[in-house]
Amino acid sequence: MSEFNILFTSVGRRVPLIRHFQKTLKELGLKGSVVGVDLLENAPAFHVVDKPYKICPIDDPSYIQSLLGICNKEKIKLLFPLIDTDLSVLSYNKKAFLEIGTTVVISEPQVVEIAMNKQKTHDFFVSNGIDTPKFVEIETAINEDLEYPLFMKPLDGSASKGIFKIRNKKELLFFKDYVPRPILQEYVEGTEYTLDIFYDFSGKLRCIVPRKRIEVRAGEVSKAMVADNEKIVNEGWKAAECLKGCVGCINIQCFLTNDGTLKFVEINPRFGGGVPLSLKAGADFPRWIIEMARGNDPGDIRDAYRKNIYMLRYDDAVFWDGSPLLKDE
């Protein structure tokens, strides 16, 4: 039996997800390794994968060729990007990887383009009749007396970087020059949810897990629970079915406002940082993906998870004694 090797790019801190894939390979009786690449040798997950490779920056012209070389050498079956900056380049180069036997588990380029540009995200929601925060022209806000607060973020931002609550015109005048490529939206208050959404390789929607975000630290959820809310799942299902060309696990973020309105705000076509909660609840995305790659359909998985499961995250550590670690490319 040939090895079933898996590669993750930009592994960073994604230790629980990688360990789940390692455990899944063993439970399925598959011989294989989990390979990880990262720019930084001190990335924690770099020391958890079975085989680590240090790689050049994503915007380096040699990045794709370097990654292809690793995939060819390690006979990688599945490749998963883990950060936003990897998405576009890998989506456009899926064919090159497929030619050497590696399936990049990523959505089509048009999905990535919608997700990575906040204006396109907004337009996608509006064009499909999905409620989303209204955009406000910055010049209009400067020249007119609008109701505050408002919300500012970069047009192509990620990981909650550069986002600000704008409380008055003085802050608006400052942050419009401070935030790169700023956009301005109505400010939405309410409970935030992340929907882990799973599609099969044909792009068919198979499962949605709603995670209620209780506490967030540095842009990543630290406390959450699997919600028991039929409205959120049903509305999420409608939104997810409008998004054509998705593959694998993505997530969509939304707010349930105090008046019961659901407003959708973000699309991330990759594993979210809080996905270990969905895995623990029974939505075993890694197992389903591996099984589908082997030609086995997981069956009816729409409700294959438990509700009211909590996740309370805490810091752990990886220790390294300085012995040789890196694999040769």
C-alpha atoms as a PDB file:
ATOM      1  CA  MET A   1       0.000   0.000   0.000  1.00  0.00           C
ATOM      2  CA  SER A   2       1.395   3.402  -1.026  1.00  0.00           C
ATOM      3  CA  GLU A   3       1.933   6.041   1.625  1.00  0.00           C
ATOM      4  CA  PHE A   4      -0.756   8.655   2.217  1.00  0.00           C
ATOM      5  CA  ASN A   5       1.295  11.772   2.915  1.00  0.00           C
ATOM      6  CA  ILE A   6      -0.223  15.168   3.717  1.00  0.00           C
ATOM      7  CA  LEU A   7       1.378  18.611   3.613  1.00  0.00           C
ATOM      8  CA  PHE A   8       0.403  21.853   5.356  1.00  0.00           C
ATOM      9  CA  THR A   9       1.794  25.225   4.351  1.00  0.00           C
ATOM     10  CA  SER A  10       2.549  27.998   6.858  1.00  0.00           C
ATOM     11  CA  VAL A  11       1.938  25.666   9.791  1.00  0.00           C
ATOM     12  CA  GLY A  12       2.489  28.380  12.416  1.00  0.00           C
ATOM     13  CA  ARG A  13       0.611  27.554  15.638  1.00  0.00           C
ATOM     14  CA  ARG A  14      -1.852  25.024  14.195  1.00  0.00           C
ATOM     15  CA  VAL A  15      -0.750  22.194  16.474  1.00  0.00           C
ATOM     16  CA  PRO A  16      -4.199  20.720  17.386  1.00  0.00           C
ATOM     17  CA  LEU A  17      -5.277  20.495  13.735  1.00  0.00           C
ATOM     18  CA  ILE A  18      -2.057  18.799  12.674  1.00  0.00           C
ATOM     19  CA  ARG A  19      -2.208  16.341  15.559  1.00  0.00           C
ATOM     20  CA  HIS A  20      -5.773  15.473  14.566  1.00  0.00           C
ATOM     21  CA  PHE A  21      -4.622  14.624  11.040  1.00  0.00           C
ATOM     22  CA  GLN A  22      -1.798  12.501  12.435  1.00  0.00           C
ATOM     23  CA  LYS A  23      -4.252  10.663  14.681  1.00  0.00           C
ATOM     24  CA  THR A  24      -6.691  10.172  11.810  1.00  0.00           C
ATOM     25  CA  LEU A  25      -4.075   8.542   9.591  1.00  0.00           C
ATOM     26  CA  LYS A  26      -3.314   6.054  12.374  1.00  0.00           C
ATOM     27  CA  GLU A  27      -6.983   5.335  13.085  1.00  0.00           C
ATOM     28  CA  LEU A  28      -7.595   4.630   9.403  1.00  0.00           C
ATOM     29  CA  GLY A  29      -4.597   2.297   9.324  1.00  0.00           C
ATOM     30  CA  LEU A  30      -2.845   4.415   6.704  1.00  0.00           C
ATOM     31  CA  LYS A  31       0.901   4.559   6.439  1.00  0.00           C
ATOM     32  CA  GLY A  32       1.842   8.177   5.922  1.00  0.00           C
ATOM     33  CA  SER A  33       3.449  11.330   7.240  1.00  0.00           C
ATOM     34  CA  VAL A  34       2.236  14.842   7.941  1.00  0.00           C
ATOM     35  CA  VAL A  35       4.696  17.270   6.379  1.00  0.00           C
ATOM     36  CA  GLY A  36       4.804  20.947   7.287  1.00  0.00           C
ATOM     37  CA  VAL A  37       6.475  23.963   5.745  1.00  0.00           C
ATOM     38  CA  ASP A  38       6.986  27.377   7.258  1.00  0.00           C
ATOM     39  CA  LEU A  39       9.139  30.433   6.811  1.00  0.00           C
ATOM     40  CA  LEU A  40      10.071  30.388  10.498  1.00  0.00           C
ATOM     41  CA  GLU A  41      11.969  27.590  12.154  1.00  0.00           C
ATOM     42  CA  ASN A  42      10.512  28.583  15.531  1.00  0.00           C
ATOM     43  CA  ALA A  43       6.885  28.084  14.462  1.00  0.00           C
ATOM     44  CA  PRO A  44       5.450  25.728  17.135  1.00  0.00           C
ATOM     45  CA  ALA A  45       3.705  23.375  14.691  1.00  0.00           C
ATOM     46  CA  PHE A  46       6.979  23.094  12.784  1.00  0.00           C
ATOM     47  CA  HIS A  47       8.140  20.874  15.663  1.00  0.00           C
ATOM     48  CA  VAL A  48       5.008  18.726  15.717  1.00  0.00           C
ATOM     49  CA  VAL A  49       4.773  17.625  12.085  1.00  0.00           C
ATOM     50  CA  ASP A  50       6.474  14.375  11.098  1.00  0.00           C
ATOM     51  CA  LYS A  51       8.697  16.118   8.553  1.00  0.00           C
ATOM     52  CA  PRO A  52       9.380  19.886   8.626  1.00  0.00           C
ATOM     53  CA  TYR A  53      10.735  21.970   5.767  1.00  0.00           C
ATOM     54  CA  LYS A  54      11.821  25.583   5.988  1.00  0.00           C
ATOM     55  CA  ILE A  55      10.707  27.436   2.873  1.00  0.00           C
ATOM     56  CA  CYS A  56      11.104  30.834   1.221  1.00  0.00           C
ATOM     57  CA  PRO A  57       8.488  33.601   1.668  1.00  0.00           C
ATOM     58  CA  ILE A  58       5.183  33.123  -0.131  1.00  0.00           C
ATOM     59  CA  ASP A  59       5.797  36.150  -2.371  1.00  0.00           C
ATOM     60  CA  ASP A  60       9.186  34.785  -3.494  1.00  0.00           C
ATOM     61  CA  PRO A  61       9.115  33.868  -7.222  1.00  0.00           C
ATOM     62  CA  SER A  62      10.532  30.437  -6.359  1.00  0.00           C
ATOM     63  CA  TYR A  63       7.872  29.593  -3.763  1.00  0.00           C
ATOM     64  CA  ILE A  64       5.653  27.400  -5.948  1.00  0.00           C
ATOM     65  CA  GLN A  65       8.599  25.545  -7.463  1.00  0.00           C
ATOM     66  CA  SER A  66      10.046  24.927  -4.003  1.00  0.00           C
ATOM     67  CA  LEU A  67       6.694  23.618  -2.786  1.00  0.00           C
ATOM     68  CA  LEU A  68       6.299  21.428  -5.870  1.00  0.00           C
ATOM     69  CA  GLY A  69       9.753  19.994  -5.191  1.00  0.00           C
ATOM     70  CA  ILE A  70       8.811  19.055  -1.614  1.00  0.00           C
ATOM     71  CA  CYS A  71       5.488  17.546  -2.729  1.00  0.00           C
ATOM     72  CA  ASN A  72       7.232  15.500  -5.420  1.00  0.00           C
ATOM     73  CA  LYS A  73       9.948  14.307  -3.062  1.00  0.00           C
ATOM     74  CA  GLU A  74       7.539  13.370  -0.264  1.00  0.00           C
ATOM     75  CA  LYS A  75       4.855  11.971  -2.615  1.00  0.00           C
ATOM     76  CA  ILE A  76       2.226  14.250  -1.104  1.00  0.00           C
ATOM     77  CA  LYS A  77      -1.401  13.216  -1.686  1.00  0.00           C
ATOM     78  CA  LEU A  78      -3.164  16.212  -0.110  1.00  0.00           C
ATOM     79  CA  LEU A  79      -1.951  19.774   0.427  1.00  0.00           C
ATOM     80  CA  PHE A  80      -3.710  22.260   2.731  1.00  0.00           C
ATOM     81  CA  PRO A  81      -3.005  26.010   2.988  1.00  0.00           C
ATOM     82  CA  LEU A  82      -3.490  27.419   6.480  1.00  0.00           C
ATOM     83  CA  ILE A  83      -3.149  31.207   6.099  1.00  0.00           C
ATOM     84  CA  ASP A  84      -4.786  33.760   3.840  1.00  0.00           C
ATOM     85  CA  THR A  85      -1.635  34.799   1.984  1.00  0.00           C
ATOM     86  CA  ASP A  86      -1.246  31.255   0.620  1.00  0.00           C
ATOM     87  CA  LEU A  87      -4.743  30.989  -0.789  1.00  0.00           C
ATOM     88  CA  SER A  88      -4.548  32.891  -4.056  1.00  0.00           C
ATOM     89  CA  VAL A  89      -1.206  31.537  -5.258  1.00  0.00           C
ATOM     90  CA  LEU A  90      -2.157  27.933  -4.478  1.00  0.00           C
ATOM     91  CA  SER A  91      -5.627  28.234  -5.952  1.00  0.00           C
ATOM     92  CA  TYR A  92      -4.219  29.425  -9.261  1.00  0.00           C
ATOM     93  CA  ASN A  93      -1.541  26.705  -9.294  1.00  0.00           C
ATOM     94  CA  LYS A  94      -3.689  23.671  -8.404  1.00  0.00           C
ATOM     95  CA  LYS A  95      -3.175  22.103 -11.835  1.00  0.00           C
ATOM     96  CA  ALA A  96       0.627  22.084 -11.495  1.00  0.00           C
ATOM     97  CA  PHE A  97       0.352  20.153  -8.232  1.00  0.00           C
ATOM     98  CA  LEU A  98      -2.224  17.751  -9.624  1.00  0.00           C
ATOM     99  CA  GLU A  99       0.188  16.866 -12.429  1.00  0.00           C
ATOM    100  CA  ILE A 100       2.593  15.406  -9.824  1.00  0.00           C
ATOM    101  CA  GLY A 101      -0.199  13.619  -7.935  1.00  0.00           C
ATOM    102  CA  THR A 102      -0.892  16.241  -5.246  1.00  0.00           C
ATOM    103  CA  THR A 103      -4.425  17.498  -4.672  1.00  0.00           C
ATOM    104  CA  VAL A 104      -4.511  21.013  -3.244  1.00  0.00           C
ATOM    105  CA  VAL A 105      -7.610  21.123  -1.037  1.00  0.00           C
ATOM    106  CA  ILE A 106      -8.647  24.659  -1.798  1.00  0.00           C
ATOM    107  CA  SER A 107     -11.597  26.451  -3.364  1.00  0.00           C
ATOM    108  CA  GLU A 108     -11.612  27.873  -6.877  1.00  0.00           C
ATOM    109  CA  PRO A 109      -9.882  31.239  -7.565  1.00  0.00           C
ATOM    110  CA  GLN A 110     -13.180  33.126  -7.799  1.00  0.00           C
ATOM    111  CA  VAL A 111     -14.043  32.091  -4.232  1.00  0.00           C
ATOM    112  CA  VAL A 112     -10.644  33.225  -2.979  1.00  0.00           C
ATOM    113  CA  GLU A 113     -11.044  36.555  -4.773  1.00  0.00           C
ATOM    114  CA  ILE A 114     -14.432  37.133  -3.139  1.00  0.00           C
ATOM    115  CA  ALA A 115     -13.066  36.236   0.286  1.00  0.00           C
ATOM    116  CA  MET A 116      -9.843  38.246   0.116  1.00  0.00           C
ATOM    117  CA  ASN A 117     -11.427  41.522  -0.997  1.00  0.00           C
ATOM    118  CA  LYS A 118     -13.893  42.992   1.507  1.00  0.00           C
ATOM    119  CA  GLN A 119     -15.687  44.975  -1.199  1.00  0.00           C
ATOM    120  CA  LYS A 120     -16.235  41.774  -3.200  1.00  0.00           C
ATOM    121  CA  THR A 121     -17.333  39.964  -0.031  1.00  0.00           C
ATOM    122  CA  HIS A 122     -19.892  42.685   0.625  1.00  0.00           C
ATOM    123  CA  ASP A 123     -21.076  42.633  -2.999  1.00  0.00           C
ATOM    124  CA  PHE A 124     -21.425  38.826  -2.937  1.00  0.00           C
ATOM    125  CA  PHE A 125     -23.646  38.949   0.134  1.00  0.00           C
ATOM    126  CA  VAL A 126     -25.769  41.809  -1.242  1.00  0.00           C
ATOM    127  CA  SER A 127     -26.202  40.234  -4.695  1.00  0.00           C
ATOM    128  CA  ASN A 128     -27.476  37.041  -3.083  1.00  0.00           C
ATOM    129  CA  GLY A 129     -29.886  38.760  -0.731  1.00  0.00           C
ATOM    130  CA  ILE A 130     -27.790  37.998   2.347  1.00  0.00           C
ATOM    131  CA  ASP A 131     -27.851  40.658   5.058  1.00  0.00           C
ATOM    132  CA  THR A 132     -24.461  42.281   5.639  1.00  0.00           C
ATOM    133  CA  PRO A 133     -23.215  45.577   7.164  1.00  0.00           C
ATOM    134  CA  LYS A 134     -23.669  48.554   4.836  1.00  0.00           C
ATOM    135  CA  PHE A 135     -20.651  50.286   3.351  1.00  0.00           C
ATOM    136  CA  VAL A 136     -20.122  53.982   4.017  1.00  0.00           C
ATOM    137  CA  GLU A 137     -18.039  56.167   1.696  1.00  0.00           C
ATOM    138  CA  ILE A 138     -15.205  57.701   3.691  1.00  0.00           C
ATOM    139  CA  GLU A 139     -15.597  61.071   1.970  1.00  0.00           C
ATOM    140  CA  THR A 140     -19.304  61.021   2.772  1.00  0.00           C
ATOM    141  CA  ALA A 141     -18.531  60.327   6.416  1.00  0.00           C
ATOM    142  CA  ILE A 142     -16.046  63.212   6.482  1.00  0.00           C
ATOM    143  CA  ASN A 143     -18.386  65.725   4.899  1.00  0.00           C
ATOM    144  CA  GLU A 144     -21.639  64.744   6.573  1.00  0.00           C
ATOM    145  CA  ASP A 145     -22.785  64.252  10.149  1.00  0.00           C
ATOM    146  CA  LEU A 146     -23.305  60.496  10.415  1.00  0.00           C
ATOM    147  CA  GLU A 147     -24.278  58.389  13.373  1.00  0.00           C
ATOM    148  CA  TYR A 148     -21.342  56.780  15.164  1.00  0.00           C
ATOM    149  CA  PRO A 149     -19.796  54.341  15.891  1.00  0.00           C
ATOM    150  CA  LEU A 150     -18.645  53.035  12.516  1.00  0.00           C
ATOM    151  CA  PHE A 151     -16.233  50.225  11.699  1.00  0.00           C
ATOM    152  CA  MET A 152     -13.010  50.491   9.673  1.00  0.00           C
ATOM    153  CA  LYS A 153     -10.795  47.734   8.299  1.00  0.00           C
ATOM    154  CA  PRO A 154      -8.377  47.144   5.402  1.00  0.00           C
ATOM    155  CA  LEU A 155      -9.873  46.225   2.042  1.00  0.00           C
ATOM    156  CA  ASP A 156      -7.756  43.076   1.902  1.00  0.00           C
ATOM    157  CA  GLY A 157      -6.991  42.508   5.572  1.00  0.00           C
ATOM    158  CA  SER A 158      -6.945  39.245   7.504  1.00  0.00           C
ATOM    159  CA  ALA A 159      -6.560  37.857  11.025  1.00  0.00           C
ATOM    160  CA  SER A 160      -8.383  40.881  12.494  1.00  0.00           C
ATOM    161  CA  LYS A 161      -5.372  43.119  11.807  1.00  0.00           C
ATOM    162  CA  GLY A 162      -5.966  46.823  11.329  1.00  0.00           C
ATOM    163  CA  ILE A 163      -9.614  46.827  12.419  1.00  0.00           C
ATOM    164  CA  PHE A 164     -10.963  49.719  14.477  1.00  0.00           C
ATOM    165  CA  LYS A 165     -14.185  50.942  15.999  1.00  0.00           C
ATOM    166  CA  ILE A 166     -14.559  54.564  14.896  1.00  0.00           C
ATOM    167  CA  ARG A 167     -16.316  56.566  17.609  1.00  0.00           C
ATOM    168  CA  ASN A 168     -16.260  60.087  16.124  1.00  0.00           C
ATOM    169  CA  LYS A 169     -15.056  62.188  13.197  1.00  0.00           C
ATOM    170  CA  LYS A 170     -11.710  62.898  14.874  1.00  0.00           C
ATOM    171  CA  GLU A 171     -10.938  59.167  14.950  1.00  0.00           C
ATOM    172  CA  LEU A 172     -12.176  58.832  11.369  1.00  0.00           C
ATOM    173  CA  LEU A 173      -9.751  61.505  10.156  1.00  0.00           C
ATOM    174  CA  PHE A 174      -6.871  59.783  11.927  1.00  0.00           C
ATOM    175  CA  PHE A 175      -7.563  56.144  11.038  1.00  0.00           C
ATOM    176  CA  LYS A 176      -8.366  56.767   7.358  1.00  0.00           C
ATOM    177  CA  ASP A 177      -4.664  57.558   6.916  1.00  0.00           C
ATOM    178  CA  TYR A 178      -3.470  54.920   9.369  1.00  0.00           C
ATOM    179  CA  VAL A 179      -5.313  51.850   8.033  1.00  0.00           C
ATOM    180  CA  PRO A 180      -3.970  50.611   4.674  1.00  0.00           C
ATOM    181  CA  ARG A 181      -6.629  50.678   1.908  1.00  0.00           C
ATOM    182  CA  PRO A 182      -9.389  51.475   4.409  1.00  0.00           C
ATOM    183  CA  ILE A 183     -13.069  50.692   4.028  1.00  0.00           C
ATOM    184  CA  LEU A 184     -15.809  51.952   6.308  1.00  0.00           C
ATOM    185  CA  GLN A 185     -18.930  50.059   7.376  1.00  0.00           C
ATOM    186  CA  GLU A 186     -21.832  50.399   9.748  1.00  0.00           C
ATOM    187  CA  TYR A 187     -20.929  49.099  13.192  1.00  0.00           C
ATOM    188  CA  VAL A 188     -22.724  45.905  14.169  1.00  0.00           C
ATOM    189  CA  GLU A 189     -23.181  44.789  17.774  1.00  0.00           C
ATOM    190  CA  GLY A 190     -24.255  41.335  18.796  1.00  0.00           C
ATOM    191  CA  THR A 191     -22.998  37.792  19.280  1.00  0.00           C
ATOM    192  CA  GLU A 192     -20.404  36.625  16.782  1.00  0.00           C
ATOM    193  CA  TYR A 193     -20.557  33.182  15.214  1.00  0.00           C
ATOM    194  CA  THR A 194     -18.168  31.298  12.974  1.00  0.00           C
ATOM    195  CA  LEU A 195     -19.690  28.677  10.706  1.00  0.00           C
ATOM    196  CA  ASP A 196     -17.348  25.813   9.822  1.00  0.00           C
ATOM    197  CA  ILE A 197     -18.623  24.762   6.408  1.00  0.00           C
ATOM    198  CA  PHE A 198     -17.673  21.537   4.642  1.00  0.00           C
ATOM    199  CA  TYR A 199     -17.912  20.807   0.904  1.00  0.00           C
ATOM    200  CA  ASP A 200     -16.945  17.611  -0.900  1.00  0.00           C
ATOM    201  CA  PHE A 201     -14.586  17.513  -3.891  1.00  0.00           C
ATOM    202  CA  SER A 202     -17.476  18.125  -6.293  1.00  0.00           C
ATOM    203  CA  GLY A 203     -18.371  21.334  -4.457  1.00  0.00           C
ATOM    204  CA  LYS A 204     -21.498  19.946  -2.807  1.00  0.00           C
ATOM    205  CA  LEU A 205     -22.312  21.407   0.610  1.00  0.00           C
ATOM    206  CA  ARG A 206     -22.331  18.623   3.222  1.00  0.00           C
ATOM    207  CA  CYS A 207     -22.136  20.030   6.754  1.00  0.00           C
ATOM    208  CA  ILE A 208     -22.226  23.291   8.739  1.00  0.00           C
ATOM    209  CA  VAL A 209     -21.144  23.638  12.375  1.00  0.00           C
ATOM    210  CA  PRO A 210     -22.022  26.938  14.121  1.00  0.00           C
ATOM    211  CA  ARG A 211     -19.446  28.041  16.667  1.00  0.00           C
ATOM    212  CA  LYS A 212     -20.385  30.826  19.074  1.00  0.00           C
ATOM    213  CA  ARG A 213     -17.362  33.010  19.783  1.00  0.00           C
ATOM    214  CA  ILE A 214     -17.240  33.739  23.518  1.00  0.00           C
ATOM    215  CA  GLU A 215     -13.766  35.260  23.745  1.00  0.00           C
ATOM    216  CA  VAL A 216     -11.167  36.226  21.139  1.00  0.00           C
ATOM    217  CA  ARG A 217      -7.470  36.808  21.692  1.00  0.00           C
ATOM    218  CA  ALA A 218      -5.177  38.327  19.038  1.00  0.00           C
ATOM    219  CA  GLY A 219      -7.791  37.744  16.363  1.00  0.00           C
ATOM    220  CA  GLU A 220      -8.243  34.042  17.139  1.00  0.00           C
ATOM    221  CA  VAL A 221     -11.003  32.508  19.214  1.00  0.00           C
ATOM    222  CA  SER A 222      -9.937  31.381  22.689  1.00  0.00           C
ATOM    223  CA  LYS A 223     -13.336  30.424  24.146  1.00  0.00           C
ATOM    224  CA  ALA A 224     -16.247  29.090  22.111  1.00  0.00           C
ATOM    225  CA  MET A 225     -19.116  26.637  22.019  1.00  0.00           C
ATOM    226  CA  VAL A 226     -21.012  24.683  19.367  1.00  0.00           C
ATOM    227  CA  ALA A 227     -24.313  26.534  19.234  1.00  0.00           C
ATOM    228  CA  ASP A 228     -27.763  25.014  19.178  1.00  0.00           C
ATOM    229  CA  ASN A 229     -29.373  27.561  16.855  1.00  0.00           C
ATOM    230  CA  GLU A 230     -31.395  26.346  13.892  1.00  0.00           C
ATOM    231  CA  LYS A 231     -31.813  29.833  12.430  1.00  0.00           C
ATOM    232  CA  ILE A 232     -28.061  30.379  12.124  1.00  0.00           C
ATOM    233  CA  VAL A 233     -27.525  26.979  10.502  1.00  0.00           C
ATOM    234  CA  ASN A 234     -30.384  27.476   8.040  1.00  0.00           C
ATOM    235  CA  GLU A 235     -29.288  30.980   7.050  1.00  0.00           C
ATOM    236  CA  GLY A 236     -25.682  29.788   6.851  1.00  0.00           C
ATOM    237  CA  TRP A 237     -26.754  26.934   4.593  1.00  0.00           C
ATOM    238  CA  LYS A 238     -28.431  29.400   2.205  1.00  0.00           C
ATOM    239  CA  ALA A 239     -25.325  31.606   2.107  1.00  0.00           C
ATOM    240  CA  ALA A 240     -22.962  28.650   1.655  1.00  0.00           C
ATOM    241  CA  GLU A 241     -24.978  27.246  -1.252  1.00  0.00           C
ATOM    242  CA  CYS A 242     -24.645  30.586  -3.060  1.00  0.00           C
ATOM    243  CA  LEU A 243     -20.855  30.365  -2.884  1.00  0.00           C
ATOM    244  CA  LYS A 244     -19.959  28.254  -5.919  1.00  0.00           C
ATOM    245  CA  GLY A 245     -16.588  26.564  -6.322  1.00  0.00           C
ATOM    246  CA  CYS A 246     -15.828  25.695  -2.704  1.00  0.00           C
ATOM    247  CA  VAL A 247     -13.837  22.599  -1.732  1.00  0.00           C
ATOM    248  CA  GLY A 248     -13.026  21.241   1.710  1.00  0.00           C
ATOM    249  CA  CYS A 249     -13.476  23.256   4.884  1.00  0.00           C
ATOM    250  CA  ILE A 250     -14.101  27.002   4.826  1.00  0.00           C
ATOM    251  CA  ASN A 251     -15.658  29.329   7.376  1.00  0.00           C
ATOM    252  CA  ILE A 252     -18.071  32.232   7.262  1.00  0.00           C
ATOM    253  CA  GLN A 253     -18.452  34.707  10.100  1.00  0.00           C
ATOM    254  CA  CYS A 254     -21.671  36.450  11.097  1.00  0.00           C
ATOM    255  CA  PHE A 255     -23.268  38.455  13.895  1.00  0.00           C
ATOM    256  CA  LEU A 256     -26.595  37.770  15.553  1.00  0.00           C
ATOM    257  CA  THR A 257     -27.637  41.277  16.542  1.00  0.00           C
ATOM    258  CA  ASN A 258     -29.608  42.227  19.608  1.00  0.00           C
ATOM    259  CA  ASP A 259     -32.794  42.562  17.541  1.00  0.00           C
ATOM    260  CA  GLY A 260     -32.400  39.038  16.119  1.00  0.00           C
ATOM    261  CA  THR A 261     -31.000  40.044  12.724  1.00  0.00           C
ATOM    262  CA  LEU A 262     -28.241  37.884  11.263  1.00  0.00           C
ATOM    263  CA  LYS A 263     -25.538  39.832   9.426  1.00  0.00           C
ATOM    264  CA  PHE A 264     -22.788  38.035   7.506  1.00  0.00           C
ATOM    265  CA  VAL A 265     -19.380  39.717   7.484  1.00  0.00           C
ATOM    266  CA  GLU A 266     -16.457  37.487   6.450  1.00  0.00           C
ATOM    267  CA  ILE A 267     -15.545  34.488   4.289  1.00  0.00           C
ATOM    268  CA  ASN A 268     -12.337  32.490   4.904  1.00  0.00           C
ATOM    269  CA  PRO A 269     -11.712  29.629   2.431  1.00  0.00           C
ATOM    270  CA  ARG A 270      -9.480  27.584   4.758  1.00  0.00           C
ATOM    271  CA  PHE A 271      -9.510  25.855   8.140  1.00  0.00           C
ATOM    272  CA  GLY A 272     -10.325  28.440  10.801  1.00  0.00           C
ATOM    273  CA  GLY A 273      -8.299  28.755  13.975  1.00  0.00           C
ATOM    274  CA  GLY A 274     -11.201  27.472  16.084  1.00  0.00           C
ATOM    275  CA  VAL A 275     -11.902  24.390  13.960  1.00  0.00           C
ATOM    276  CA  PRO A 276     -10.608  21.991  16.678  1.00  0.00           C
ATOM    277  CA  LEU A 277     -13.908  22.636  18.490  1.00  0.00           C
ATOM    278  CA  SER A 278     -15.909  21.338  15.516  1.00  0.00           C
ATOM    279  CA  LEU A 279     -13.618  18.319  15.271  1.00  0.00           C
ATOM    280  CA  LYS A 280     -14.119  17.537  18.965  1.00  0.00           C
ATOM    281  CA  ALA A 281     -17.867  17.859  18.513  1.00  0.00           C
ATOM    282  CA  GLY A 282     -17.803  15.106  15.881  1.00  0.00           C
ATOM    283  CA  ALA A 283     -17.553  16.989  12.592  1.00  0.00           C
ATOM    284  CA  ASP A 284     -14.450  15.096  11.523  1.00  0.00           C
ATOM    285  CA  PHE A 285     -13.437  17.105   8.475  1.00  0.00           C
ATOM    286  CA  PRO A 286      -9.941  15.532   8.233  1.00  0.00           C
ATOM    287  CA  ARG A 287     -11.345  11.984   8.192  1.00  0.00           C
ATOM    288  CA  TRP A 288     -13.998  12.909   5.635  1.00  0.00           C
ATOM    289  CA  ILE A 289     -11.453  14.562   3.332  1.00  0.00           C
ATOM    290  CA  ILE A 290      -9.021  11.651   3.535  1.00  0.00           C
ATOM    291  CA  GLU A 291     -11.795   9.136   2.935  1.00  0.00           C
ATOM    292  CA  MET A 292     -13.124  11.082  -0.048  1.00  0.00           C
ATOM    293  CA  ALA A 293      -9.610  11.285  -1.488  1.00  0.00           C
ATOM    294  CA  ARG A 294      -9.540   7.468  -1.262  1.00  0.00           C
ATOM    295  CA  GLY A 295     -12.860   7.237  -3.095  1.00  0.00           C
ATOM    296  CA  ASN A 296     -15.039   6.628  -0.026  1.00  0.00           C
ATOM    297  CA  ASP A 297     -18.082   8.828   0.572  1.00  0.00           C
ATOM    298  CA  PRO A 298     -18.720   9.625   4.265  1.00  0.00           C
ATOM    299  CA  GLY A 299     -22.502   9.444   3.768  1.00  0.00           C
ATOM    300  CA  ASP A 300     -25.035  11.737   5.411  1.00  0.00           C
ATOM    301  CA  ILE A 301     -22.935  14.034   7.598  1.00  0.00           C
ATOM    302  CA  ARG A 302     -25.177  17.083   7.783  1.00  0.00           C
ATOM    303  CA  ASP A 303     -25.865  16.587  11.493  1.00  0.00           C
ATOM    304  CA  ALA A 304     -22.726  14.635  12.372  1.00  0.00           C
ATOM    305  CA  TYR A 305     -21.796  16.715  15.397  1.00  0.00           C
ATOM    306  CA  ARG A 306     -22.868  17.340  18.989  1.00  0.00           C
ATOM    307  CA  LYS A 307     -24.188  20.687  20.171  1.00  0.00           C
ATOM    308  CA  ASN A 308     -23.340  22.644  23.328  1.00  0.00           C
ATOM    309  CA  ILE A 309     -19.717  21.478  23.342  1.00  0.00           C
ATOM    310  CA  TYR A 310     -17.356  24.092  24.791  1.00  0.00           C
ATOM    311  CA  MET A 311     -13.720  24.855  23.979  1.00  0.00           C
ATOM    312  CA  LEU A 312     -11.488  26.749  26.413  1.00  0.00           C
ATOM    313  CA  ARG A 313      -8.050  27.184  24.878  1.00  0.00           C
ATOM    314  CA  TYR A 314      -4.821  27.753  26.763  1.00  0.00           C
ATOM    315  CA  ASP A 315      -1.133  28.083  25.965  1.00  0.00           C
ATOM    316  CA  ASP A 316       1.019  24.986  25.637  1.00  0.00           C
ATOM    317  CA  ALA A 317       4.679  24.682  24.694  1.00  0.00           C
ATOM    318  CA  VAL A 318       6.911  22.793  22.282  1.00  0.00           C
ATOM    319  CA  PHE A 319      10.486  22.193  23.472  1.00  0.00           C
ATOM    320  CA  TRP A 320      13.458  21.855  21.140  1.00  0.00           C
ATOM    321  CA  ASP A 321      16.936  20.795  22.166  1.00  0.00           C
ATOM    322  CA  GLY A 322      18.698  22.299  19.156  1.00  0.00           C
ATOM    323  CA  SER A 323      19.390  19.003  17.393  1.00  0.00           C
ATOM    324  CA  PRO A 324      19.047  18.914  13.580  1.00  0.00           C
ATOM    325  CA  LEU A 325      15.434  19.269  12.547  1.00  0.00           C
ATOM    326  CA  LEU A 326      15.099  20.455   8.993  1.00  0.00           C
ATOM    327  CA  LYS A 327      14.684  18.186   5.997  1.00  0.00           C
ATOM    328  CA  ASP A 328      16.649  18.883   2.843  1.00  0.00           C
ATOM    329  CA  GLU A 329      14.526  20.269   0.038  1.00  0.00           C
END
